[in-house]
Amino acid sequence: MRDRDVRKAALLWLEQAHVHEIDTLIVQEMGVWSGSVRIDIAVINGELQGFELKSARDNLDRLPTQVEIYSQVFDRITLVVAECHLQKAKSLLPAWWGISVAYEKTGGDLRLKTKRIAQINPGIAPIQLARLLWKDEMISILDKHGFARGYRSKSSELLAERLISNLKLDSLRNEVREALKRRQGWLRNNLSRQNNMPIDADFDPMR
């Protein structure tokens, strides 16, 4: 069971689940922390959902750190995991994370089976959610709500703090999702377009 096989099965599963939803965006390798950390698949519609994939060839060494980071921004998260990792994964995940198992059918095709449905995240960090935005997106949102005056030339970090100080979490969540869905060519942009937040070497879950 290879990584690409699990990804293919997960994408097919998600595409079938959202086939009639014109307002749903499915993104591979969505960047968190200015793109320095990437979740395998994100689904953006009325919620921001993340899907982390672990094939039989992967290990779970980085999963605890990934859990810590992804849990700060996604409304729901599901781990798609090979059956050989299932029991260990359960011990590493918060109760609200969903779990789906990838297994091989006769003939070698992979299928996914839901073991636990993802619940709503009880602990989103507003500042990390705001940091998903590019600087121009932050200014646009602040301007929309009447809070941009005096902040247009400020740093991305100050803009993020301005957002969380003036928008309630539900409003911020809505604005971030809509900004991500409007974003053009975002997976091809380099980090200089984004927030450029430093990543502590001991807290980098890149695989």
C-alpha atoms as a PDB file:
ATOM      1  CA  MET A   1       0.000   0.000   0.000  1.00  0.00           C
ATOM      2  CA  ARG A   2       1.713   3.158  -1.260  1.00  0.00           C
ATOM      3  CA  ASP A   3       1.140   6.776  -0.296  1.00  0.00           C
ATOM      4  CA  ARG A   4      -0.208   7.637  -3.730  1.00  0.00           C
ATOM      5  CA  ASP A   5      -2.714   4.791  -3.549  1.00  0.00           C
ATOM      6  CA  VAL A   6      -4.128   6.079  -0.254  1.00  0.00           C
ATOM      7  CA  ARG A   7      -4.280   9.608  -1.676  1.00  0.00           C
ATOM      8  CA  LYS A   8      -6.070   8.419  -4.812  1.00  0.00           C
ATOM      9  CA  ALA A   9      -8.648   6.526  -2.749  1.00  0.00           C
ATOM     10  CA  ALA A  10      -9.168   9.475  -0.393  1.00  0.00           C
ATOM     11  CA  LEU A  11      -9.618  11.962  -3.257  1.00  0.00           C
ATOM     12  CA  LEU A  12     -12.107   9.698  -4.998  1.00  0.00           C
ATOM     13  CA  TRP A  13     -14.014   9.281  -1.739  1.00  0.00           C
ATOM     14  CA  LEU A  14     -14.151  13.030  -1.154  1.00  0.00           C
ATOM     15  CA  GLU A  15     -15.038  13.882  -4.745  1.00  0.00           C
ATOM     16  CA  GLN A  16     -17.947  11.453  -4.635  1.00  0.00           C
ATOM     17  CA  ALA A  17     -19.112  12.863  -1.296  1.00  0.00           C
ATOM     18  CA  HIS A  18     -19.114  16.455  -2.590  1.00  0.00           C
ATOM     19  CA  VAL A  19     -19.889  15.932  -6.274  1.00  0.00           C
ATOM     20  CA  HIS A  20     -23.020  18.112  -6.245  1.00  0.00           C
ATOM     21  CA  GLU A  21     -21.608  20.885  -4.045  1.00  0.00           C
ATOM     22  CA  ILE A  22     -20.490  23.716  -6.324  1.00  0.00           C
ATOM     23  CA  ASP A  23     -19.240  25.743  -3.354  1.00  0.00           C
ATOM     24  CA  THR A  24     -16.838  23.040  -2.134  1.00  0.00           C
ATOM     25  CA  LEU A  25     -13.103  23.270  -2.840  1.00  0.00           C
ATOM     26  CA  ILE A  26     -10.815  20.267  -2.387  1.00  0.00           C
ATOM     27  CA  VAL A  27      -7.148  21.240  -2.014  1.00  0.00           C
ATOM     28  CA  GLN A  28      -4.122  18.976  -1.821  1.00  0.00           C
ATOM     29  CA  GLU A  29      -1.140  19.896   0.361  1.00  0.00           C
ATOM     30  CA  MET A  30      -2.764  22.930   1.957  1.00  0.00           C
ATOM     31  CA  GLY A  31      -0.188  25.026   3.755  1.00  0.00           C
ATOM     32  CA  VAL A  32      -0.455  25.872   7.435  1.00  0.00           C
ATOM     33  CA  TRP A  33       2.085  28.111   9.183  1.00  0.00           C
ATOM     34  CA  SER A  34       2.804  30.040   5.970  1.00  0.00           C
ATOM     35  CA  GLY A  35       2.974  26.867   3.936  1.00  0.00           C
ATOM     36  CA  SER A  36       5.842  25.389   5.961  1.00  0.00           C
ATOM     37  CA  VAL A  37       3.508  22.653   7.221  1.00  0.00           C
ATOM     38  CA  ARG A  38       1.080  20.975   4.842  1.00  0.00           C
ATOM     39  CA  ILE A  39      -1.922  18.802   5.514  1.00  0.00           C
ATOM     40  CA  ASP A  40      -2.469  16.192   2.808  1.00  0.00           C
ATOM     41  CA  ILE A  41      -6.000  17.224   1.794  1.00  0.00           C
ATOM     42  CA  ALA A  42      -8.288  20.064   2.849  1.00  0.00           C
ATOM     43  CA  VAL A  43     -11.976  20.442   2.053  1.00  0.00           C
ATOM     44  CA  ILE A  44     -13.268  24.007   2.170  1.00  0.00           C
ATOM     45  CA  ASN A  45     -17.013  24.690   2.151  1.00  0.00           C
ATOM     46  CA  GLY A  46     -19.195  25.573   5.132  1.00  0.00           C
ATOM     47  CA  GLU A  47     -16.365  24.215   7.264  1.00  0.00           C
ATOM     48  CA  LEU A  48     -12.616  23.873   6.979  1.00  0.00           C
ATOM     49  CA  GLN A  49     -11.876  20.163   7.115  1.00  0.00           C
ATOM     50  CA  GLY A  50      -8.491  18.477   7.073  1.00  0.00           C
ATOM     51  CA  PHE A  51      -7.490  14.945   6.076  1.00  0.00           C
ATOM     52  CA  GLU A  52      -4.090  13.552   7.014  1.00  0.00           C
ATOM     53  CA  LEU A  53      -3.018  10.343   5.232  1.00  0.00           C
ATOM     54  CA  LYS A  54      -0.819   7.568   6.613  1.00  0.00           C
ATOM     55  CA  SER A  55      -0.126   4.571   4.401  1.00  0.00           C
ATOM     56  CA  ALA A  56       1.327   1.246   5.515  1.00  0.00           C
ATOM     57  CA  ARG A  57       4.758   2.546   4.466  1.00  0.00           C
ATOM     58  CA  ASP A  58       4.485   5.593   6.748  1.00  0.00           C
ATOM     59  CA  ASN A  59       5.130   5.711  10.463  1.00  0.00           C
ATOM     60  CA  LEU A  60       3.305   7.737  13.084  1.00  0.00           C
ATOM     61  CA  ASP A  61       6.334   9.429  14.628  1.00  0.00           C
ATOM     62  CA  ARG A  62       5.260  12.929  13.578  1.00  0.00           C
ATOM     63  CA  LEU A  63       1.552  12.459  14.151  1.00  0.00           C
ATOM     64  CA  PRO A  64       1.468  13.979  17.680  1.00  0.00           C
ATOM     65  CA  THR A  65       3.059  17.201  16.405  1.00  0.00           C
ATOM     66  CA  GLN A  66       0.783  17.256  13.371  1.00  0.00           C
ATOM     67  CA  VAL A  67      -2.203  16.802  15.661  1.00  0.00           C
ATOM     68  CA  GLU A  68      -1.086  19.784  17.737  1.00  0.00           C
ATOM     69  CA  ILE A  69      -0.680  22.069  14.726  1.00  0.00           C
ATOM     70  CA  TYR A  70      -3.681  21.038  12.635  1.00  0.00           C
ATOM     71  CA  SER A  71      -5.992  21.144  15.659  1.00  0.00           C
ATOM     72  CA  GLN A  72      -5.405  24.874  15.887  1.00  0.00           C
ATOM     73  CA  VAL A  73      -7.074  25.712  12.561  1.00  0.00           C
ATOM     74  CA  PHE A  74      -9.379  23.002  11.175  1.00  0.00           C
ATOM     75  CA  ASP A  75     -13.042  22.688  12.129  1.00  0.00           C
ATOM     76  CA  ARG A  76     -12.890  18.910  11.697  1.00  0.00           C
ATOM     77  CA  ILE A  77     -10.000  16.564  10.968  1.00  0.00           C
ATOM     78  CA  THR A  78      -9.903  12.953   9.827  1.00  0.00           C
ATOM     79  CA  LEU A  79      -6.917  10.630   9.836  1.00  0.00           C
ATOM     80  CA  VAL A  80      -6.974   8.211   6.901  1.00  0.00           C
ATOM     81  CA  VAL A  81      -4.741   5.369   8.001  1.00  0.00           C
ATOM     82  CA  ALA A  82      -3.648   1.891   6.941  1.00  0.00           C
ATOM     83  CA  GLU A  83      -5.143  -0.809   9.130  1.00  0.00           C
ATOM     84  CA  CYS A  84      -1.726  -1.732  10.544  1.00  0.00           C
ATOM     85  CA  HIS A  85      -1.563   1.702  12.204  1.00  0.00           C
ATOM     86  CA  LEU A  86      -5.131   1.834  13.490  1.00  0.00           C
ATOM     87  CA  GLN A  87      -4.655   0.881  17.134  1.00  0.00           C
ATOM     88  CA  LYS A  88      -1.602   3.081  17.676  1.00  0.00           C
ATOM     89  CA  ALA A  89      -3.297   5.989  15.901  1.00  0.00           C
ATOM     90  CA  LYS A  90      -6.307   5.786  18.203  1.00  0.00           C
ATOM     91  CA  SER A  91      -4.042   6.321  21.200  1.00  0.00           C
ATOM     92  CA  LEU A  92      -2.504   9.445  19.638  1.00  0.00           C
ATOM     93  CA  LEU A  93      -5.624  11.274  18.467  1.00  0.00           C
ATOM     94  CA  PRO A  94      -8.037  13.545  20.337  1.00  0.00           C
ATOM     95  CA  ALA A  95     -11.521  12.064  20.656  1.00  0.00           C
ATOM     96  CA  TRP A  96     -12.951  14.598  18.194  1.00  0.00           C
ATOM     97  CA  TRP A  97     -10.686  13.561  15.305  1.00  0.00           C
ATOM     98  CA  GLY A  98     -12.269  11.192  12.806  1.00  0.00           C
ATOM     99  CA  ILE A  99     -10.615   7.968  11.660  1.00  0.00           C
ATOM    100  CA  SER A 100     -11.010   6.173   8.338  1.00  0.00           C
ATOM    101  CA  VAL A 101      -9.167   2.969   7.464  1.00  0.00           C
ATOM    102  CA  ALA A 102      -7.712   2.297   4.021  1.00  0.00           C
ATOM    103  CA  TYR A 103      -7.892  -1.358   3.082  1.00  0.00           C
ATOM    104  CA  GLU A 104      -7.254  -3.378  -0.060  1.00  0.00           C
ATOM    105  CA  LYS A 105     -10.108  -5.084  -1.839  1.00  0.00           C
ATOM    106  CA  THR A 106      -9.727  -8.138  -4.035  1.00  0.00           C
ATOM    107  CA  GLY A 107      -7.799  -7.006  -7.079  1.00  0.00           C
ATOM    108  CA  GLY A 108      -5.728  -4.492  -5.176  1.00  0.00           C
ATOM    109  CA  ASP A 109      -8.039  -1.479  -5.217  1.00  0.00           C
ATOM    110  CA  LEU A 110      -8.149   0.568  -2.036  1.00  0.00           C
ATOM    111  CA  ARG A 111     -11.336   1.505  -0.237  1.00  0.00           C
ATOM    112  CA  LEU A 112     -11.931   3.624   2.832  1.00  0.00           C
ATOM    113  CA  LYS A 113     -14.063   2.613   5.783  1.00  0.00           C
ATOM    114  CA  THR A 114     -15.114   5.139   8.413  1.00  0.00           C
ATOM    115  CA  LYS A 115     -14.267   4.039  11.923  1.00  0.00           C
ATOM    116  CA  ARG A 116     -15.037   7.294  13.712  1.00  0.00           C
ATOM    117  CA  ILE A 117     -16.808  10.369  12.369  1.00  0.00           C
ATOM    118  CA  ALA A 118     -14.983  13.641  12.958  1.00  0.00           C
ATOM    119  CA  GLN A 119     -16.607  15.979  15.451  1.00  0.00           C
ATOM    120  CA  ILE A 120     -16.369  19.761  15.635  1.00  0.00           C
ATOM    121  CA  ASN A 121     -13.059  21.062  16.957  1.00  0.00           C
ATOM    122  CA  PRO A 122     -13.522  22.422  20.501  1.00  0.00           C
ATOM    123  CA  GLY A 123     -10.264  24.380  20.573  1.00  0.00           C
ATOM    124  CA  ILE A 124      -9.532  26.440  17.445  1.00  0.00           C
ATOM    125  CA  ALA A 125      -6.831  29.064  18.018  1.00  0.00           C
ATOM    126  CA  PRO A 126      -8.082  32.321  16.438  1.00  0.00           C
ATOM    127  CA  ILE A 127      -4.580  33.694  15.882  1.00  0.00           C
ATOM    128  CA  GLN A 128      -3.510  30.608  13.942  1.00  0.00           C
ATOM    129  CA  LEU A 129      -6.691  30.767  11.891  1.00  0.00           C
ATOM    130  CA  ALA A 130      -5.969  34.403  10.992  1.00  0.00           C
ATOM    131  CA  ARG A 131      -2.429  33.455  10.005  1.00  0.00           C
ATOM    132  CA  LEU A 132      -3.787  31.289   7.191  1.00  0.00           C
ATOM    133  CA  LEU A 133      -4.504  34.533   5.346  1.00  0.00           C
ATOM    134  CA  TRP A 134      -2.191  36.504   3.120  1.00  0.00           C
ATOM    135  CA  LYS A 135      -1.587  40.123   4.007  1.00  0.00           C
ATOM    136  CA  ASP A 136      -3.827  41.532   1.268  1.00  0.00           C
ATOM    137  CA  GLU A 137      -6.617  39.203   2.377  1.00  0.00           C
ATOM    138  CA  MET A 138      -6.308  40.407   5.968  1.00  0.00           C
ATOM    139  CA  ILE A 139      -6.499  44.048   4.874  1.00  0.00           C
ATOM    140  CA  SER A 140      -9.538  43.322   2.695  1.00  0.00           C
ATOM    141  CA  ILE A 141     -11.381  41.677   5.598  1.00  0.00           C
ATOM    142  CA  LEU A 142     -10.457  44.457   8.007  1.00  0.00           C
ATOM    143  CA  ASP A 143     -11.636  47.022   5.470  1.00  0.00           C
ATOM    144  CA  LYS A 144     -14.929  45.180   5.017  1.00  0.00           C
ATOM    145  CA  HIS A 145     -15.607  45.353   8.753  1.00  0.00           C
ATOM    146  CA  GLY A 146     -14.335  48.926   9.204  1.00  0.00           C
ATOM    147  CA  PHE A 147     -11.127  48.122  11.092  1.00  0.00           C
ATOM    148  CA  ALA A 148      -8.450  48.736   8.441  1.00  0.00           C
ATOM    149  CA  ARG A 149      -7.764  52.406   9.171  1.00  0.00           C
ATOM    150  CA  GLY A 150      -4.187  52.896  10.313  1.00  0.00           C
ATOM    151  CA  TYR A 151      -3.293  49.251   9.691  1.00  0.00           C
ATOM    152  CA  ARG A 152      -2.804  48.950   5.933  1.00  0.00           C
ATOM    153  CA  SER A 153       0.985  49.252   6.208  1.00  0.00           C
ATOM    154  CA  LYS A 154       1.330  47.103   9.328  1.00  0.00           C
ATOM    155  CA  SER A 155       2.973  43.683   9.423  1.00  0.00           C
ATOM    156  CA  SER A 156       0.992  40.500   8.848  1.00  0.00           C
ATOM    157  CA  GLU A 157       1.320  39.631  12.527  1.00  0.00           C
ATOM    158  CA  LEU A 158      -0.214  42.929  13.642  1.00  0.00           C
ATOM    159  CA  LEU A 159      -2.976  42.519  11.076  1.00  0.00           C
ATOM    160  CA  ALA A 160      -3.724  39.026  12.398  1.00  0.00           C
ATOM    161  CA  GLU A 161      -3.932  40.375  15.947  1.00  0.00           C
ATOM    162  CA  ARG A 162      -6.220  43.165  14.729  1.00  0.00           C
ATOM    163  CA  LEU A 163      -8.525  40.581  13.164  1.00  0.00           C
ATOM    164  CA  ILE A 164      -8.870  38.428  16.246  1.00  0.00           C
ATOM    165  CA  SER A 165      -9.362  41.486  18.456  1.00  0.00           C
ATOM    166  CA  ASN A 166     -12.305  42.736  16.417  1.00  0.00           C
ATOM    167  CA  LEU A 167     -13.991  39.713  14.863  1.00  0.00           C
ATOM    168  CA  LYS A 168     -15.812  36.995  16.748  1.00  0.00           C
ATOM    169  CA  LEU A 169     -14.547  33.487  16.045  1.00  0.00           C
ATOM    170  CA  ASP A 170     -17.528  32.483  13.881  1.00  0.00           C
ATOM    171  CA  SER A 171     -17.119  35.599  11.758  1.00  0.00           C
ATOM    172  CA  LEU A 172     -13.377  35.002  11.440  1.00  0.00           C
ATOM    173  CA  ARG A 173     -13.958  31.380  10.418  1.00  0.00           C
ATOM    174  CA  ASN A 174     -16.392  32.478   7.708  1.00  0.00           C
ATOM    175  CA  GLU A 175     -14.049  35.146   6.376  1.00  0.00           C
ATOM    176  CA  VAL A 176     -11.049  32.813   6.284  1.00  0.00           C
ATOM    177  CA  ARG A 177     -12.966  30.112   4.407  1.00  0.00           C
ATOM    178  CA  GLU A 178     -14.280  32.570   1.839  1.00  0.00           C
ATOM    179  CA  ALA A 179     -10.819  34.067   1.333  1.00  0.00           C
ATOM    180  CA  LEU A 180      -9.309  30.625   0.761  1.00  0.00           C
ATOM    181  CA  LYS A 181     -11.988  29.737  -1.775  1.00  0.00           C
ATOM    182  CA  ARG A 182     -11.402  32.994  -3.687  1.00  0.00           C
ATOM    183  CA  ARG A 183      -7.619  32.659  -3.677  1.00  0.00           C
ATOM    184  CA  GLN A 184      -6.091  32.131  -7.117  1.00  0.00           C
ATOM    185  CA  GLY A 185      -2.956  30.102  -7.788  1.00  0.00           C
ATOM    186  CA  TRP A 186      -2.138  29.836  -4.108  1.00  0.00           C
ATOM    187  CA  LEU A 187      -0.386  26.458  -4.288  1.00  0.00           C
ATOM    188  CA  ARG A 188       2.111  27.867  -6.802  1.00  0.00           C
ATOM    189  CA  ASN A 189       3.076  30.943  -4.796  1.00  0.00           C
ATOM    190  CA  ASN A 190       6.291  30.936  -2.843  1.00  0.00           C
ATOM    191  CA  LEU A 191       6.472  31.808   0.835  1.00  0.00           C
ATOM    192  CA  SER A 192       7.393  35.436   0.194  1.00  0.00           C
ATOM    193  CA  ARG A 193       3.747  36.113  -0.701  1.00  0.00           C
ATOM    194  CA  GLN A 194       2.584  34.757   2.628  1.00  0.00           C
ATOM    195  CA  ASN A 195       3.134  35.568   6.295  1.00  0.00           C
ATOM    196  CA  ASN A 196       6.685  34.173   6.598  1.00  0.00           C
ATOM    197  CA  MET A 197       6.264  33.159  10.222  1.00  0.00           C
ATOM    198  CA  PRO A 198       9.366  31.487  11.687  1.00  0.00           C
ATOM    199  CA  ILE A 199       9.121  27.782  12.440  1.00  0.00           C
ATOM    200  CA  ASP A 200      10.918  26.397  15.466  1.00  0.00           C
ATOM    201  CA  ALA A 201      13.099  23.495  14.345  1.00  0.00           C
ATOM    202  CA  ASP A 202      11.832  21.307  17.178  1.00  0.00           C
ATOM    203  CA  PHE A 203       8.234  21.969  16.152  1.00  0.00           C
ATOM    204  CA  ASP A 204       8.463  21.278  12.433  1.00  0.00           C
ATOM    205  CA  PRO A 205       6.312  18.258  11.464  1.00  0.00           C
ATOM    206  CA  MET A 206       7.311  18.168   7.813  1.00  0.00           C
ATOM    207  CA  ARG A 207       7.413  14.596   6.523  1.00  0.00           C
END
